Amino acid sequence: MNQVESSVSEFLTPRSARDVKRKSKKRRKAQHDDGDDVCAICDDGGYVTCCDGGCLRSFHLTEEHGEGSKCPSLEINSEEAKMIIDKKDFICKNCKYKKHQCSSCGLLGSSDLSSGAEVFQCKDYNCGHFYHPNCVSKLLYPDDKLRACHFEQYVAAGLKFLCHVHKCSVCHGAEKRDDKNMQFAVCRLCPITYHRKCLPSDIPFEAKEGPNGYIFQRAWDGILRDRILIYCMKHEIVKELEIPRRKLIIFPDDKNLCVPKGPESAPKEQDTLAEEELLDHPSSEPSQSLPSAAAQNQCFCSNPMDSFAPKSLFPHPYPGSCGWLGD
């Protein structure tokens, strides 16, 4: 093993489909803090139901469950929602069909380890982030192309990895939930985290007037358990909403799909939840039709600022920009 291979090996451990299923199920049952505290669609709490499939996201199942936040929800009827809650067994479409969005570029890809996976989940059992090998390697090694190349190959080969959201973006230290200053502030729209003590001053807990104009609130305490919910500076605040425009959540279309049981062709059709549905406030931009499956590699975002990954990681146009951003 050469020096470069050694430097990236600390993030990697062998992975197999059987190993992931067995260990994940056992470990998750032992974790009392499994699941997100807020809805993946609207970032608000209330009556949310956690997916038991491994993505760790929570959702408002019905419009009534998300009424307080004006969340469009998963639009499940009340009778079906009651059955899901009573059985305590909810699997979202992404986990059911093993197709998840990359937390960096936002594109949907197969996560089926038994049938040529395209996106891979972080090895931390309390992390629901999936990534393309190329995307996670650039996030972990943005200034070292050689290491990024090696890391990409290892992840594509099926080795487990720890994604970069488990280290502070400023001091690179780990999370300590029992130490308030070392608790993580987690961006809801992209894979970036800060310690509370490292949180930039331009991500305030309260809205205020600044020397250059009004400064919107970007950080909230008391919503996530032992964490801070934030929208980082990469995401433009929409004045009418007082929050950024939402990214699209993409679900596989279940009409023509079967639950993966072995080597199968990747599903091609998708459902999308548009961020325009989230609130009744007027949008700052004209609405756009949702992309078809054939347009997957062109754009999923109605706003170029909604792309998950930093602009510097991709040539123009990069995923989410549709060529709208200039040099």
Protein backbone atom coordinates (compact mmCIF):
# COMPACT_ATOMS: atom_id res chain seq x y z
CA MET A 1 0.00 0.00 0.00
CA ASN A 2 1.50 3.33 -1.06
CA GLN A 3 1.33 6.60 0.87
CA VAL A 4 -1.78 7.89 -0.92
CA GLU A 5 -3.65 4.61 -0.42
CA SER A 6 -2.71 4.61 3.25
CA SER A 7 -3.95 8.16 3.74
CA VAL A 8 -7.47 7.33 2.58
CA SER A 9 -7.76 3.83 4.05
CA GLU A 10 -8.65 5.17 7.51
CA PHE A 11 -12.05 6.22 6.15
CA LEU A 12 -12.78 2.82 4.62
CA THR A 13 -13.83 -0.65 5.75
CA PRO A 14 -15.07 -3.65 3.71
CA ARG A 15 -18.77 -3.65 2.81
CA SER A 16 -21.14 -6.34 1.62
CA ALA A 17 -24.91 -6.40 1.13
CA ARG A 18 -25.36 -9.10 3.76
CA ASP A 19 -23.10 -7.35 6.27
CA VAL A 20 -24.89 -4.01 5.89
CA LYS A 21 -28.35 -5.50 6.30
CA ARG A 22 -27.45 -7.59 9.34
CA LYS A 23 -25.43 -5.00 11.22
CA SER A 24 -27.65 -2.05 10.38
CA LYS A 25 -30.80 -3.76 11.63
CA LYS A 26 -29.21 -4.84 14.88
CA ARG A 27 -27.52 -1.53 15.59
CA ARG A 28 -30.50 0.66 14.73
CA LYS A 29 -32.74 -1.14 17.21
CA ALA A 30 -30.27 -0.30 19.94
CA GLN A 31 -30.22 3.41 19.11
CA HIS A 32 -32.87 5.45 20.93
CA ASP A 33 -32.22 8.55 18.82
CA ASP A 34 -32.83 6.96 15.43
CA GLY A 35 -34.61 9.08 12.87
CA ASP A 36 -34.85 12.74 12.03
CA ASP A 37 -36.70 15.07 14.39
CA VAL A 38 -38.27 17.08 11.58
CA CYS A 39 -39.99 16.38 8.28
CA ALA A 40 -37.64 15.95 5.33
CA ILE A 41 -40.02 17.94 3.14
CA CYS A 42 -40.69 21.06 5.22
CA ASP A 43 -38.02 20.95 7.99
CA ASP A 44 -40.72 21.34 10.63
CA GLY A 45 -41.62 19.00 13.47
CA GLY A 46 -45.01 17.96 14.79
CA TYR A 47 -46.52 14.60 13.92
CA VAL A 48 -43.76 13.00 11.89
CA THR A 49 -43.13 9.33 11.09
CA CYS A 50 -39.59 7.98 10.66
CA CYS A 51 -38.69 5.67 7.79
CA ASP A 52 -37.54 2.25 9.02
CA GLY A 53 -35.69 1.52 5.79
CA GLY A 54 -32.35 3.05 6.70
CA CYS A 55 -32.47 6.59 5.28
CA LEU A 56 -33.44 7.86 8.77
CA ARG A 57 -35.68 10.59 7.33
CA SER A 58 -39.02 11.52 8.85
CA PHE A 59 -42.14 12.70 7.04
CA HIS A 60 -45.58 14.11 7.59
CA LEU A 61 -47.66 11.23 6.23
CA THR A 62 -50.84 13.24 5.65
CA GLU A 63 -51.72 16.86 5.02
CA GLU A 64 -53.30 16.95 8.49
CA HIS A 65 -50.00 15.87 10.08
CA GLY A 66 -48.22 18.76 8.36
CA GLU A 67 -51.02 21.30 8.61
CA GLY A 68 -49.23 23.58 11.05
CA SER A 69 -46.25 23.99 8.73
CA LYS A 70 -48.32 24.01 5.51
CA CYS A 71 -46.37 20.92 4.43
CA PRO A 72 -47.73 19.10 1.36
CA SER A 73 -46.76 15.84 3.12
CA LEU A 74 -46.59 12.43 1.45
CA GLU A 75 -50.33 12.73 0.71
CA ILE A 76 -51.14 9.35 2.22
CA ASN A 77 -54.82 8.98 3.11
CA SER A 78 -55.78 8.95 6.78
CA GLU A 79 -56.78 5.27 6.85
CA GLU A 80 -53.48 4.10 5.35
CA ALA A 81 -51.52 6.44 7.63
CA LYS A 82 -53.26 4.96 10.69
CA MET A 83 -52.31 1.45 9.58
CA ILE A 84 -48.68 2.51 9.12
CA ILE A 85 -48.56 4.15 12.54
CA ASP A 86 -50.26 1.20 14.26
CA LYS A 87 -47.84 -1.29 12.69
CA LYS A 88 -44.87 0.98 13.38
CA ASP A 89 -43.47 -0.08 10.03
CA PHE A 90 -43.00 2.70 7.48
CA ILE A 91 -40.68 2.36 4.49
CA CYS A 92 -40.33 5.33 2.14
CA LYS A 93 -40.21 4.74 -1.61
CA ASN A 94 -36.49 5.45 -1.80
CA CYS A 95 -35.70 2.69 0.68
CA LYS A 96 -38.34 0.32 -0.71
CA TYR A 97 -36.91 0.47 -4.22
CA LYS A 98 -33.32 1.14 -3.14
CA LYS A 99 -32.91 4.38 -5.05
CA HIS A 100 -31.62 7.39 -3.13
CA GLN A 101 -30.50 10.92 -3.90
CA CYS A 102 -26.85 11.81 -3.61
CA SER A 103 -26.45 14.25 -0.73
CA SER A 104 -23.90 16.19 -2.75
CA CYS A 105 -25.26 16.56 -6.29
CA GLY A 106 -28.90 15.67 -5.60
CA LEU A 107 -29.23 13.14 -8.42
CA LEU A 108 -31.12 9.89 -7.90
CA GLY A 109 -29.19 6.62 -8.15
CA SER A 110 -29.50 2.95 -7.27
CA SER A 111 -28.35 2.08 -3.75
CA ASP A 112 -28.88 -1.66 -4.26
CA LEU A 113 -25.55 -3.26 -3.29
CA SER A 114 -26.57 -6.55 -4.88
CA SER A 115 -27.20 -5.02 -8.28
CA GLY A 116 -24.60 -2.42 -9.22
CA ALA A 117 -25.11 0.42 -6.75
CA GLU A 118 -24.55 3.98 -7.94
CA VAL A 119 -24.85 5.76 -4.57
CA PHE A 120 -23.47 4.50 -1.25
CA GLN A 121 -24.52 5.28 2.31
CA CYS A 122 -22.15 6.65 4.94
CA LYS A 123 -21.08 3.92 7.35
CA ASP A 124 -22.22 5.83 10.45
CA TYR A 125 -25.40 4.07 11.57
CA ASN A 126 -27.04 7.37 12.51
CA CYS A 127 -26.26 9.00 9.15
CA GLY A 128 -28.74 8.91 6.30
CA HIS A 129 -26.49 10.48 3.66
CA PHE A 130 -25.89 8.71 0.33
CA TYR A 131 -23.24 9.75 -2.20
CA HIS A 132 -21.86 8.98 -5.61
CA PRO A 133 -18.22 7.85 -5.19
CA ASN A 134 -17.04 10.80 -7.26
CA CYS A 135 -19.08 13.30 -5.23
CA VAL A 136 -17.98 12.16 -1.77
CA SER A 137 -14.33 11.91 -2.83
CA LYS A 138 -14.36 15.55 -3.97
CA LEU A 139 -15.99 16.65 -0.74
CA LEU A 140 -13.40 14.84 1.38
CA TYR A 141 -10.37 15.75 -0.77
CA PRO A 142 -11.23 19.00 -2.59
CA ASP A 143 -7.58 20.01 -2.97
CA ASP A 144 -6.00 16.64 -3.70
CA LYS A 145 -7.07 15.09 -7.02
CA LEU A 146 -4.89 12.00 -6.57
CA ARG A 147 -6.33 11.10 -3.18
CA ALA A 148 -9.82 11.89 -4.41
CA CYS A 149 -9.30 9.53 -7.34
CA HIS A 150 -8.13 6.70 -5.08
CA PHE A 151 -10.95 7.30 -2.62
CA GLU A 152 -13.52 7.28 -5.43
CA GLN A 153 -12.26 3.89 -6.60
CA TYR A 154 -12.42 2.43 -3.10
CA VAL A 155 -15.97 3.61 -2.48
CA ALA A 156 -17.09 2.33 -5.91
CA ALA A 157 -15.55 -1.03 -5.01
CA GLY A 158 -17.91 -1.26 -2.04
CA LEU A 159 -15.74 -0.22 0.90
CA LYS A 160 -17.52 1.61 3.70
CA PHE A 161 -16.69 5.25 4.30
CA LEU A 162 -17.37 8.01 6.81
CA CYS A 163 -18.67 11.13 5.11
CA HIS A 164 -17.38 14.59 5.92
CA VAL A 165 -20.49 15.79 7.78
CA HIS A 166 -19.13 14.04 10.88
CA LYS A 167 -16.38 16.63 11.21
CA CYS A 168 -16.70 20.36 11.76
CA SER A 169 -16.07 22.33 8.58
CA VAL A 170 -13.91 24.82 10.52
CA CYS A 171 -11.86 22.92 13.11
CA HIS A 172 -12.42 19.40 11.69
CA GLY A 173 -13.23 18.12 15.17
CA ALA A 174 -15.83 15.46 15.98
CA GLU A 175 -19.25 15.96 17.54
CA LYS A 176 -19.79 15.84 21.31
CA ARG A 177 -23.49 16.08 22.06
CA ASP A 178 -23.02 16.32 25.83
CA ASP A 179 -20.84 19.42 25.39
CA LYS A 180 -22.97 22.34 24.22
CA ASN A 181 -20.11 24.14 22.49
CA MET A 182 -19.19 20.96 20.59
CA GLN A 183 -22.71 20.16 19.41
CA PHE A 184 -23.15 20.18 15.64
CA ALA A 185 -25.00 22.78 13.62
CA VAL A 186 -26.29 20.88 10.60
CA CYS A 187 -27.36 22.48 7.32
CA ARG A 188 -30.65 21.06 6.07
CA LEU A 189 -29.90 21.66 2.41
CA CYS A 190 -26.33 20.46 1.97
CA PRO A 191 -23.80 18.22 3.73
CA ILE A 192 -22.03 20.81 5.87
CA THR A 193 -21.69 21.03 9.65
CA TYR A 194 -20.14 23.32 12.26
CA HIS A 195 -19.57 23.08 15.97
CA ARG A 196 -21.70 25.58 17.86
CA LYS A 197 -18.48 27.37 18.85
CA CYS A 198 -17.33 27.44 15.22
CA LEU A 199 -20.61 28.65 13.73
CA PRO A 200 -19.92 31.66 11.47
CA SER A 201 -21.34 34.99 12.63
CA ASP A 202 -23.29 35.35 9.38
CA ILE A 203 -25.47 32.37 10.43
CA PRO A 204 -27.37 34.11 13.29
CA PHE A 205 -29.94 32.69 15.71
CA GLU A 206 -32.04 35.84 15.39
CA ALA A 207 -32.95 38.12 12.51
CA LYS A 208 -31.50 41.60 12.83
CA GLU A 209 -30.64 44.78 11.02
CA GLY A 210 -27.05 44.87 9.82
CA PRO A 211 -24.84 47.62 8.40
CA ASN A 212 -25.49 46.31 4.90
CA GLY A 213 -29.18 45.56 5.33
CA TYR A 214 -31.49 43.06 6.95
CA ILE A 215 -29.91 39.80 8.14
CA PHE A 216 -32.21 36.79 8.17
CA GLN A 217 -32.21 34.15 10.86
CA ARG A 218 -30.33 31.04 9.70
CA ALA A 219 -29.93 28.99 12.92
CA TRP A 220 -32.52 27.47 15.27
CA ASP A 221 -32.08 25.88 18.69
CA GLY A 222 -34.55 23.45 20.25
CA ILE A 223 -35.74 21.81 17.01
CA LEU A 224 -33.19 19.00 16.67
CA ARG A 225 -32.12 16.95 19.67
CA ASP A 226 -28.73 18.19 20.92
CA ARG A 227 -28.10 19.84 17.55
CA ILE A 228 -28.71 23.14 15.80
CA LEU A 229 -30.71 23.39 12.59
CA ILE A 230 -29.14 25.80 10.11
CA TYR A 231 -29.28 26.97 6.51
CA CYS A 232 -25.69 27.81 5.56
CA MET A 233 -24.65 30.83 3.51
CA LYS A 234 -24.58 28.81 0.30
CA HIS A 235 -28.38 28.97 0.21
CA GLU A 236 -30.05 32.29 -0.59
CA ILE A 237 -32.89 33.30 1.71
CA VAL A 238 -36.14 34.11 -0.10
CA LYS A 239 -37.50 37.29 1.47
CA GLU A 240 -41.16 36.23 1.31
CA LEU A 241 -40.41 32.86 2.89
CA GLU A 242 -37.62 33.93 5.28
CA ILE A 243 -35.97 30.59 4.50
CA PRO A 244 -34.21 29.27 1.37
CA ARG A 245 -36.19 27.73 -1.43
CA ARG A 246 -36.42 24.00 -0.94
CA LYS A 247 -34.60 21.31 -2.89
CA LEU A 248 -36.60 18.67 -4.69
CA ILE A 249 -37.12 15.37 -2.93
CA ILE A 250 -37.16 12.69 -5.60
CA PHE A 251 -38.95 9.38 -5.13
CA PRO A 252 -38.89 6.43 -7.56
CA ASP A 253 -42.19 5.88 -9.35
CA ASP A 254 -43.75 2.71 -7.92
CA LYS A 255 -46.15 2.16 -10.82
CA ASN A 256 -43.73 0.22 -12.98
CA LEU A 257 -41.20 -0.98 -10.42
CA CYS A 258 -40.64 -4.07 -8.33
CA VAL A 259 -38.86 -4.26 -5.02
CA PRO A 260 -35.22 -5.23 -5.81
CA LYS A 261 -34.47 -8.86 -5.04
CA GLY A 262 -31.46 -9.40 -7.24
CA PRO A 263 -29.75 -8.07 -10.40
CA GLU A 264 -32.32 -5.95 -12.18
CA SER A 265 -32.36 -3.00 -14.52
CA ALA A 266 -32.42 0.34 -12.77
CA PRO A 267 -35.82 2.05 -12.57
CA LYS A 268 -36.16 5.02 -14.88
CA GLU A 269 -39.28 6.91 -13.81
CA GLN A 270 -39.52 9.19 -10.81
CA ASP A 271 -41.90 11.20 -8.69
CA THR A 272 -40.86 14.58 -7.36
CA LEU A 273 -42.03 16.79 -4.50
CA ALA A 274 -41.68 20.38 -5.63
CA GLU A 275 -40.57 23.02 -3.22
CA GLU A 276 -43.22 25.38 -4.63
CA GLU A 277 -45.85 23.28 -2.81
CA LEU A 278 -44.33 23.75 0.62
CA LEU A 279 -45.74 27.14 1.54
CA ASP A 280 -48.58 29.33 0.33
CA HIS A 281 -46.31 32.35 0.06
CA PRO A 282 -45.65 33.73 -3.43
CA SER A 283 -42.50 32.49 -5.09
CA SER A 284 -39.71 34.88 -5.99
CA GLU A 285 -39.27 33.10 -9.33
CA PRO A 286 -41.69 31.85 -12.01
CA SER A 287 -42.75 28.24 -11.56
CA GLN A 288 -41.26 25.61 -13.81
CA SER A 289 -42.44 22.21 -14.93
CA LEU A 290 -40.86 19.25 -13.18
CA PRO A 291 -38.13 17.41 -15.09
CA SER A 292 -38.87 14.06 -16.69
CA ALA A 293 -36.75 11.01 -15.99
CA ALA A 294 -34.92 11.56 -19.25
CA ALA A 295 -33.83 14.97 -18.02
CA GLN A 296 -32.36 13.64 -14.77
CA ASN A 297 -28.81 14.67 -15.63
CA GLN A 298 -29.86 18.20 -16.54
CA CYS A 299 -31.62 19.70 -13.54
CA PHE A 300 -33.59 18.93 -10.43
CA CYS A 301 -33.57 22.39 -8.90
CA SER A 302 -35.84 25.29 -9.72
CA ASN A 303 -33.26 27.66 -8.29
CA PRO A 304 -29.52 27.40 -9.04
CA MET A 305 -28.73 28.22 -5.40
CA ASP A 306 -30.51 25.00 -4.33
CA SER A 307 -27.78 22.71 -5.64
CA PHE A 308 -26.35 20.70 -2.75
CA ALA A 309 -22.69 20.77 -3.70
CA PRO A 310 -20.41 23.81 -3.87
CA LYS A 311 -20.19 25.34 -7.33
CA SER A 312 -16.41 24.88 -7.34
CA LEU A 313 -16.74 21.10 -7.38
CA PHE A 314 -18.27 20.95 -10.84
CA PRO A 315 -17.57 22.39 -14.29
CA HIS A 316 -20.29 24.60 -15.76
CA PRO A 317 -23.06 23.59 -15.90
CA TYR A 318 -22.94 21.56 -12.69
CA PRO A 319 -25.86 19.50 -11.28
CA GLY A 320 -28.64 21.86 -10.34
CA SER A 321 -27.39 24.86 -12.31
CA CYS A 322 -28.73 24.03 -15.79
CA GLY A 323 -26.09 26.42 -17.09
CA TRP A 324 -27.73 29.40 -15.38
CA LEU A 325 -24.61 30.44 -13.52
CA GLY A 326 -21.97 32.43 -15.29
CA ASP A 327 -18.24 32.09 -14.87
